[in-house]
Amino acid sequence: MTPFDIKSVLLARHAQHVVLVHFPIALFIIGVAFDFVAQWKRKNTLAVAAYYNLLVAAASTLPVVATGILAWRWQLEGAKLRGNLLLHLVLGIVSAFLIWLVWWVHYRVRRRPDRPLPFYCLLVELIGVFFVALTRHVDGFLSGVNG
């Protein structure tokens, strides 16, 4: 396999998850940052930017979870998960759920402009960022980056 062989790169049994995972992470964290600044500065344009970042982050969790499960099935041939790999799967699903929950709260607020963002939303966003970071940290141990 050479680095210039497009077929081997696109059809690698595990590479898609590794590439796709960065999209929901970045979009969610930027969406949360936009939301915090929007609430602090009371800027509606930043709130709109936060909403669309959260929307695309939520949508992009679907292929990430799917490719993660496929990578497990292909690479480990469906072997029973344990240790850090099981922890990574559980944290990844919790992270995806929190990303969808945050988007859903924003979606409900956008449907009724007279309703302000609930007080708990920023707390849930922080918890979501924590779980996303924790999931990525555990992945660092799986990939060998963290030792």
N, C-alpha and C. Protein backbone atom coordinates (compact mmCIF):
# COMPACT_ATOMS: atom_id res chain seq x y z
N MET A 1 0.85 -1.18 0.00
CA MET A 1 0.00 0.00 0.00
C MET A 1 0.90 1.24 0.00
N THR A 2 0.65 2.10 -0.95
CA THR A 2 1.40 3.35 -1.02
C THR A 2 0.49 4.50 -0.60
N PRO A 3 1.07 5.62 -0.16
CA PRO A 3 0.23 6.74 0.27
C PRO A 3 -0.51 7.40 -0.89
N PHE A 4 -0.12 7.09 -2.13
CA PHE A 4 -0.77 7.71 -3.29
C PHE A 4 -1.81 6.81 -3.94
N ASP A 5 -2.03 5.65 -3.39
CA ASP A 5 -3.03 4.72 -3.92
C ASP A 5 -4.39 5.09 -3.33
N ILE A 6 -5.19 5.82 -4.11
CA ILE A 6 -6.48 6.33 -3.64
C ILE A 6 -7.42 5.20 -3.24
N LYS A 7 -7.41 4.12 -4.01
CA LYS A 7 -8.31 3.00 -3.71
C LYS A 7 -8.02 2.42 -2.33
N SER A 8 -6.76 2.23 -2.00
CA SER A 8 -6.43 1.65 -0.70
C SER A 8 -6.74 2.61 0.43
N VAL A 9 -6.65 3.90 0.18
CA VAL A 9 -6.96 4.88 1.22
C VAL A 9 -8.46 4.94 1.47
N LEU A 10 -9.25 5.01 0.41
CA LEU A 10 -10.70 5.14 0.56
C LEU A 10 -11.37 3.85 1.01
N LEU A 11 -10.79 2.72 0.67
CA LEU A 11 -11.42 1.45 1.00
C LEU A 11 -10.74 0.73 2.15
N ALA A 12 -9.87 1.41 2.86
CA ALA A 12 -9.25 0.79 4.03
C ALA A 12 -10.34 0.41 5.02
N ARG A 13 -10.14 -0.68 5.71
CA ARG A 13 -11.20 -1.21 6.56
C ARG A 13 -11.48 -0.37 7.79
N HIS A 14 -10.60 0.51 8.17
CA HIS A 14 -10.79 1.27 9.41
C HIS A 14 -10.60 2.77 9.23
N ALA A 15 -10.13 3.22 8.09
CA ALA A 15 -9.70 4.61 7.93
C ALA A 15 -10.85 5.61 7.97
N GLN A 16 -12.02 5.24 7.53
CA GLN A 16 -13.11 6.20 7.46
C GLN A 16 -13.47 6.75 8.84
N HIS A 17 -13.52 5.92 9.84
CA HIS A 17 -13.86 6.39 11.17
C HIS A 17 -12.82 7.37 11.67
N VAL A 18 -11.58 7.07 11.45
CA VAL A 18 -10.49 7.93 11.90
C VAL A 18 -10.56 9.30 11.25
N VAL A 19 -10.97 9.35 9.99
CA VAL A 19 -11.07 10.62 9.28
C VAL A 19 -12.35 11.37 9.67
N LEU A 20 -13.47 10.68 9.69
CA LEU A 20 -14.77 11.33 9.91
C LEU A 20 -14.97 11.87 11.33
N VAL A 21 -14.29 11.28 12.30
CA VAL A 21 -14.54 11.62 13.70
C VAL A 21 -14.21 13.09 14.00
N HIS A 22 -13.34 13.70 13.22
CA HIS A 22 -12.95 15.08 13.50
C HIS A 22 -14.06 16.09 13.21
N PHE A 23 -14.97 15.77 12.31
CA PHE A 23 -16.02 16.72 11.95
C PHE A 23 -16.98 17.01 13.10
N PRO A 24 -17.60 16.00 13.73
CA PRO A 24 -18.51 16.35 14.83
C PRO A 24 -17.79 16.96 16.02
N ILE A 25 -16.54 16.54 16.25
CA ILE A 25 -15.79 17.11 17.38
C ILE A 25 -15.61 18.60 17.18
N ALA A 26 -15.07 18.98 16.03
CA ALA A 26 -14.79 20.39 15.76
C ALA A 26 -16.07 21.22 15.67
N LEU A 27 -17.06 20.70 14.96
CA LEU A 27 -18.31 21.45 14.80
C LEU A 27 -19.03 21.64 16.12
N PHE A 28 -19.03 20.63 16.97
CA PHE A 28 -19.70 20.74 18.26
C PHE A 28 -18.99 21.75 19.16
N ILE A 29 -17.67 21.65 19.25
CA ILE A 29 -16.94 22.56 20.12
C ILE A 29 -17.06 24.00 19.64
N ILE A 30 -16.99 24.22 18.34
CA ILE A 30 -17.16 25.58 17.80
C ILE A 30 -18.60 26.05 18.00
N GLY A 31 -19.57 25.15 17.83
CA GLY A 31 -20.97 25.52 18.07
C GLY A 31 -21.21 25.93 19.50
N VAL A 32 -20.60 25.21 20.43
CA VAL A 32 -20.73 25.57 21.86
C VAL A 32 -20.06 26.91 22.13
N ALA A 33 -18.90 27.12 21.54
CA ALA A 33 -18.20 28.41 21.73
C ALA A 33 -19.04 29.56 21.17
N PHE A 34 -19.61 29.37 19.98
CA PHE A 34 -20.50 30.39 19.41
C PHE A 34 -21.69 30.65 20.32
N ASP A 35 -22.25 29.58 20.88
CA ASP A 35 -23.42 29.73 21.74
C ASP A 35 -23.07 30.50 23.01
N PHE A 36 -21.93 30.19 23.61
CA PHE A 36 -21.53 30.91 24.82
C PHE A 36 -21.33 32.40 24.52
N VAL A 37 -20.66 32.70 23.43
CA VAL A 37 -20.44 34.11 23.07
C VAL A 37 -21.77 34.77 22.71
N ALA A 38 -22.65 34.04 22.03
CA ALA A 38 -23.96 34.60 21.68
C ALA A 38 -24.77 34.94 22.92
N GLN A 39 -24.72 34.08 23.93
CA GLN A 39 -25.44 34.36 25.18
C GLN A 39 -24.80 35.51 25.95
N TRP A 40 -23.49 35.57 25.91
CA TRP A 40 -22.75 36.60 26.64
C TRP A 40 -22.94 37.97 25.99
N LYS A 41 -22.80 38.03 24.67
CA LYS A 41 -22.89 39.31 23.95
C LYS A 41 -24.30 39.61 23.45
N ARG A 42 -25.22 38.64 23.58
CA ARG A 42 -26.59 38.77 23.10
C ARG A 42 -26.63 39.09 21.60
N LYS A 43 -25.88 38.29 20.85
CA LYS A 43 -25.80 38.44 19.40
C LYS A 43 -26.57 37.29 18.74
N ASN A 44 -27.62 37.65 18.02
CA ASN A 44 -28.44 36.64 17.36
C ASN A 44 -27.70 35.95 16.22
N THR A 45 -26.82 36.67 15.53
CA THR A 45 -26.10 36.05 14.42
C THR A 45 -25.18 34.93 14.91
N LEU A 46 -24.58 35.11 16.07
CA LEU A 46 -23.76 34.04 16.63
C LEU A 46 -24.61 32.85 17.08
N ALA A 47 -25.81 33.14 17.56
CA ALA A 47 -26.73 32.06 17.94
C ALA A 47 -27.13 31.24 16.71
N VAL A 48 -27.33 31.91 15.60
CA VAL A 48 -27.67 31.20 14.35
C VAL A 48 -26.48 30.35 13.90
N ALA A 49 -25.27 30.92 13.98
CA ALA A 49 -24.07 30.15 13.62
C ALA A 49 -23.91 28.95 14.54
N ALA A 50 -24.19 29.13 15.82
CA ALA A 50 -24.10 28.02 16.78
C ALA A 50 -25.10 26.93 16.40
N TYR A 51 -26.32 27.33 16.06
CA TYR A 51 -27.36 26.36 15.70
C TYR A 51 -26.93 25.51 14.51
N TYR A 52 -26.44 26.15 13.46
CA TYR A 52 -26.06 25.39 12.26
C TYR A 52 -24.82 24.53 12.50
N ASN A 53 -23.90 24.97 13.31
CA ASN A 53 -22.76 24.13 13.67
C ASN A 53 -23.23 22.90 14.44
N LEU A 54 -24.16 23.11 15.37
CA LEU A 54 -24.69 21.99 16.16
C LEU A 54 -25.50 21.03 15.28
N LEU A 55 -26.22 21.57 14.31
CA LEU A 55 -27.00 20.74 13.40
C LEU A 55 -26.09 19.83 12.59
N VAL A 56 -25.05 20.39 11.99
CA VAL A 56 -24.14 19.58 11.18
C VAL A 56 -23.33 18.63 12.07
N ALA A 57 -22.99 19.06 13.28
CA ALA A 57 -22.29 18.17 14.20
C ALA A 57 -23.16 16.95 14.54
N ALA A 58 -24.43 17.21 14.82
CA ALA A 58 -25.34 16.10 15.14
C ALA A 58 -25.49 15.15 13.94
N ALA A 59 -25.69 15.71 12.77
CA ALA A 59 -25.84 14.87 11.57
C ALA A 59 -24.58 14.07 11.29
N SER A 60 -23.42 14.66 11.55
CA SER A 60 -22.17 13.96 11.23
C SER A 60 -21.82 12.89 12.27
N THR A 61 -22.54 12.84 13.38
CA THR A 61 -22.30 11.74 14.33
C THR A 61 -22.81 10.41 13.78
N LEU A 62 -23.78 10.45 12.89
CA LEU A 62 -24.35 9.20 12.36
C LEU A 62 -23.32 8.39 11.59
N PRO A 63 -22.62 8.97 10.59
CA PRO A 63 -21.60 8.16 9.92
C PRO A 63 -20.41 7.82 10.82
N VAL A 64 -20.13 8.66 11.80
CA VAL A 64 -19.01 8.37 12.70
C VAL A 64 -19.32 7.14 13.55
N VAL A 65 -20.51 7.08 14.12
CA VAL A 65 -20.89 5.92 14.92
C VAL A 65 -20.95 4.67 14.02
N ALA A 66 -21.52 4.83 12.83
CA ALA A 66 -21.62 3.68 11.92
C ALA A 66 -20.24 3.17 11.52
N THR A 67 -19.33 4.06 11.17
CA THR A 67 -18.00 3.60 10.76
C THR A 67 -17.21 3.06 11.95
N GLY A 68 -17.47 3.56 13.15
CA GLY A 68 -16.83 3.01 14.33
C GLY A 68 -17.26 1.57 14.57
N ILE A 69 -18.54 1.32 14.42
CA ILE A 69 -19.05 -0.05 14.60
C ILE A 69 -18.53 -0.95 13.48
N LEU A 70 -18.49 -0.43 12.25
CA LEU A 70 -17.95 -1.23 11.15
C LEU A 70 -16.47 -1.53 11.34
N ALA A 71 -15.72 -0.55 11.84
CA ALA A 71 -14.29 -0.78 12.10
C ALA A 71 -14.12 -1.88 13.14
N TRP A 72 -14.94 -1.88 14.15
CA TRP A 72 -14.88 -2.93 15.17
C TRP A 72 -15.19 -4.29 14.54
N ARG A 73 -16.23 -4.35 13.71
CA ARG A 73 -16.62 -5.61 13.09
C ARG A 73 -15.54 -6.12 12.13
N TRP A 74 -14.92 -5.19 11.36
CA TRP A 74 -13.93 -5.61 10.37
C TRP A 74 -12.56 -5.87 11.00
N GLN A 75 -12.09 -4.93 11.80
CA GLN A 75 -10.74 -5.05 12.35
C GLN A 75 -10.64 -6.15 13.40
N LEU A 76 -11.63 -6.20 14.27
CA LEU A 76 -11.58 -7.19 15.36
C LEU A 76 -12.48 -8.39 15.09
N GLU A 77 -13.07 -8.41 13.90
CA GLU A 77 -13.95 -9.51 13.49
C GLU A 77 -15.06 -9.76 14.49
N GLY A 78 -15.58 -8.68 15.08
CA GLY A 78 -16.71 -8.78 15.99
C GLY A 78 -16.38 -9.36 17.35
N ALA A 79 -15.10 -9.38 17.70
CA ALA A 79 -14.71 -9.92 19.01
C ALA A 79 -15.33 -9.09 20.13
N LYS A 80 -15.51 -9.70 21.27
CA LYS A 80 -16.11 -9.01 22.41
C LYS A 80 -15.22 -7.83 22.82
N LEU A 81 -15.85 -6.67 22.99
CA LEU A 81 -15.11 -5.48 23.38
C LEU A 81 -14.86 -5.49 24.88
N ARG A 82 -13.68 -5.01 25.26
CA ARG A 82 -13.37 -4.88 26.69
C ARG A 82 -12.30 -3.82 26.84
N GLY A 83 -12.13 -3.36 28.05
CA GLY A 83 -11.09 -2.38 28.35
C GLY A 83 -11.35 -1.03 27.71
N ASN A 84 -10.28 -0.42 27.20
CA ASN A 84 -10.38 0.93 26.62
C ASN A 84 -11.25 0.98 25.38
N LEU A 85 -11.29 -0.11 24.61
CA LEU A 85 -12.12 -0.12 23.42
C LEU A 85 -13.61 -0.07 23.78
N LEU A 86 -14.00 -0.81 24.79
CA LEU A 86 -15.39 -0.76 25.25
C LEU A 86 -15.70 0.61 25.84
N LEU A 87 -14.76 1.15 26.62
CA LEU A 87 -14.94 2.49 27.18
C LEU A 87 -15.08 3.54 26.08
N HIS A 88 -14.29 3.41 25.03
CA HIS A 88 -14.36 4.35 23.90
C HIS A 88 -15.72 4.26 23.21
N LEU A 89 -16.23 3.05 23.03
CA LEU A 89 -17.55 2.88 22.41
C LEU A 89 -18.64 3.51 23.26
N VAL A 90 -18.64 3.25 24.54
CA VAL A 90 -19.66 3.79 25.44
C VAL A 90 -19.57 5.32 25.48
N LEU A 91 -18.37 5.85 25.64
CA LEU A 91 -18.20 7.31 25.67
C LEU A 91 -18.58 7.94 24.34
N GLY A 92 -18.29 7.27 23.23
CA GLY A 92 -18.67 7.78 21.92
C GLY A 92 -20.18 7.86 21.75
N ILE A 93 -20.88 6.85 22.22
CA ILE A 93 -22.34 6.86 22.12
C ILE A 93 -22.93 7.93 23.03
N VAL A 94 -22.39 8.07 24.23
CA VAL A 94 -22.84 9.13 25.14
C VAL A 94 -22.58 10.51 24.53
N SER A 95 -21.41 10.68 23.93
CA SER A 95 -21.08 11.96 23.29
C SER A 95 -22.04 12.27 22.15
N ALA A 96 -22.32 11.26 21.31
CA ALA A 96 -23.26 11.46 20.20
C ALA A 96 -24.64 11.83 20.73
N PHE A 97 -25.08 11.14 21.79
CA PHE A 97 -26.38 11.46 22.39
C PHE A 97 -26.41 12.90 22.90
N LEU A 98 -25.36 13.33 23.57
CA LEU A 98 -25.32 14.70 24.10
C LEU A 98 -25.30 15.73 22.98
N ILE A 99 -24.59 15.44 21.91
CA ILE A 99 -24.58 16.36 20.76
C ILE A 99 -25.99 16.49 20.19
N TRP A 100 -26.68 15.37 20.03
CA TRP A 100 -28.06 15.41 19.53
C TRP A 100 -28.99 16.12 20.52
N LEU A 101 -28.79 15.92 21.81
CA LEU A 101 -29.62 16.58 22.82
C LEU A 101 -29.46 18.09 22.76
N VAL A 102 -28.22 18.54 22.66
CA VAL A 102 -27.98 19.99 22.58
C VAL A 102 -28.61 20.56 21.32
N TRP A 103 -28.46 19.88 20.19
CA TRP A 103 -29.09 20.37 18.96
C TRP A 103 -30.61 20.41 19.11
N TRP A 104 -31.18 19.39 19.71
CA TRP A 104 -32.64 19.32 19.87
C TRP A 104 -33.16 20.48 20.72
N VAL A 105 -32.45 20.81 21.79
CA VAL A 105 -32.86 21.96 22.63
C VAL A 105 -32.81 23.24 21.80
N HIS A 106 -31.75 23.42 21.03
CA HIS A 106 -31.65 24.61 20.17
C HIS A 106 -32.75 24.62 19.11
N TYR A 107 -33.06 23.46 18.57
CA TYR A 107 -34.11 23.35 17.57
C TYR A 107 -35.47 23.78 18.15
N ARG A 108 -35.75 23.32 19.36
CA ARG A 108 -37.02 23.69 20.00
C ARG A 108 -37.08 25.20 20.27
N VAL A 109 -35.97 25.79 20.66
CA VAL A 109 -35.94 27.23 20.92
C VAL A 109 -36.14 28.01 19.63
N ARG A 110 -35.55 27.55 18.54
CA ARG A 110 -35.68 28.26 17.25
C ARG A 110 -37.11 28.20 16.72
N ARG A 111 -37.84 27.14 17.05
CA ARG A 111 -39.23 27.03 16.59
C ARG A 111 -40.13 28.05 17.27
N ARG A 112 -39.76 28.45 18.48
CA ARG A 112 -40.55 29.44 19.23
C ARG A 112 -39.62 30.59 19.62
N PRO A 113 -39.53 31.61 18.79
CA PRO A 113 -38.57 32.70 19.03
C PRO A 113 -38.82 33.47 20.33
N ASP A 114 -40.04 33.41 20.85
CA ASP A 114 -40.34 34.11 22.10
C ASP A 114 -39.76 33.40 23.32
N ARG A 115 -39.35 32.14 23.14
CA ARG A 115 -38.82 31.35 24.25
C ARG A 115 -37.30 31.51 24.30
N PRO A 116 -36.76 31.86 25.47
CA PRO A 116 -35.29 31.96 25.57
C PRO A 116 -34.66 30.57 25.70
N LEU A 117 -33.37 30.52 25.51
CA LEU A 117 -32.63 29.28 25.69
C LEU A 117 -32.73 28.86 27.15
N PRO A 118 -33.08 27.60 27.44
CA PRO A 118 -33.21 27.17 28.84
C PRO A 118 -31.89 27.32 29.59
N PHE A 119 -32.00 27.55 30.88
CA PHE A 119 -30.82 27.79 31.71
C PHE A 119 -29.87 26.60 31.74
N TYR A 120 -30.42 25.41 31.58
CA TYR A 120 -29.60 24.20 31.68
C TYR A 120 -28.84 23.88 30.39
N CYS A 121 -29.16 24.57 29.30
CA CYS A 121 -28.56 24.22 28.01
C CYS A 121 -27.05 24.42 28.01
N LEU A 122 -26.58 25.53 28.55
CA LEU A 122 -25.14 25.78 28.57
C LEU A 122 -24.42 24.74 29.43
N LEU A 123 -25.07 24.29 30.50
CA LEU A 123 -24.48 23.25 31.34
C LEU A 123 -24.39 21.93 30.57
N VAL A 124 -25.44 21.58 29.85
CA VAL A 124 -25.43 20.35 29.05
C VAL A 124 -24.37 20.45 27.95
N GLU A 125 -24.19 21.65 27.38
CA GLU A 125 -23.15 21.84 26.36
C GLU A 125 -21.76 21.61 26.95
N LEU A 126 -21.52 22.11 28.15
CA LEU A 126 -20.22 21.89 28.80
C LEU A 126 -20.00 20.41 29.11
N ILE A 127 -21.05 19.75 29.57
CA ILE A 127 -20.94 18.31 29.82
C ILE A 127 -20.66 17.57 28.51
N GLY A 128 -21.30 18.00 27.44
CA GLY A 128 -21.06 17.40 26.13
C GLY A 128 -19.62 17.57 25.68
N VAL A 129 -19.07 18.78 25.85
CA VAL A 129 -17.67 19.02 25.48
C VAL A 129 -16.75 18.14 26.32
N PHE A 130 -17.07 17.99 27.61
CA PHE A 130 -16.27 17.14 28.48
C PHE A 130 -16.26 15.71 27.98
N PHE A 131 -17.44 15.17 27.63
CA PHE A 131 -17.52 13.79 27.16
C PHE A 131 -16.84 13.61 25.81
N VAL A 132 -16.97 14.59 24.93
CA VAL A 132 -16.27 14.52 23.64
C VAL A 132 -14.76 14.48 23.88
N ALA A 133 -14.26 15.33 24.77
CA ALA A 133 -12.82 15.36 25.07
C ALA A 133 -12.38 14.05 25.73
N LEU A 134 -13.19 13.52 26.62
CA LEU A 134 -12.85 12.27 27.29
C LEU A 134 -12.83 11.11 26.29
N THR A 135 -13.78 11.09 25.38
CA THR A 135 -13.81 10.06 24.35
C THR A 135 -12.55 10.13 23.50
N ARG A 136 -12.17 11.34 23.12
CA ARG A 136 -10.95 11.53 22.32
C ARG A 136 -9.71 11.14 23.11
N HIS A 137 -9.70 11.41 24.40
CA HIS A 137 -8.56 11.05 25.23
C HIS A 137 -8.39 9.53 25.29
N VAL A 138 -9.47 8.82 25.48
CA VAL A 138 -9.41 7.35 25.50
C VAL A 138 -8.96 6.83 24.14
N ASP A 139 -9.41 7.46 23.06
CA ASP A 139 -8.98 7.07 21.73
C ASP A 139 -7.47 7.26 21.56
N GLY A 140 -6.91 8.25 22.23
CA GLY A 140 -5.46 8.45 22.17
C GLY A 140 -4.71 7.25 22.72
N PHE A 141 -5.26 6.60 23.73
CA PHE A 141 -4.63 5.39 24.26
C PHE A 141 -4.79 4.23 23.28
N LEU A 142 -5.92 4.18 22.57
CA LEU A 142 -6.15 3.11 21.62
C LEU A 142 -5.23 3.23 20.40
N SER A 143 -5.00 4.46 19.97
CA SER A 143 -4.18 4.67 18.78
C SER A 143 -2.70 4.73 19.10
N GLY A 144 -2.35 4.78 20.38
CA GLY A 144 -0.95 4.81 20.76
C GLY A 144 -0.38 6.20 20.94
N VAL A 145 -1.19 7.22 20.76
CA VAL A 145 -0.71 8.60 20.90
C VAL A 145 -0.41 8.92 22.35
N ASN A 146 -1.23 8.44 23.28
CA ASN A 146 -1.07 8.76 24.69
C ASN A 146 -0.26 7.71 25.46
N GLY A 147 0.46 6.91 24.77
CA GLY A 147 1.34 5.97 25.47
C GLY A 147 0.94 4.54 25.38
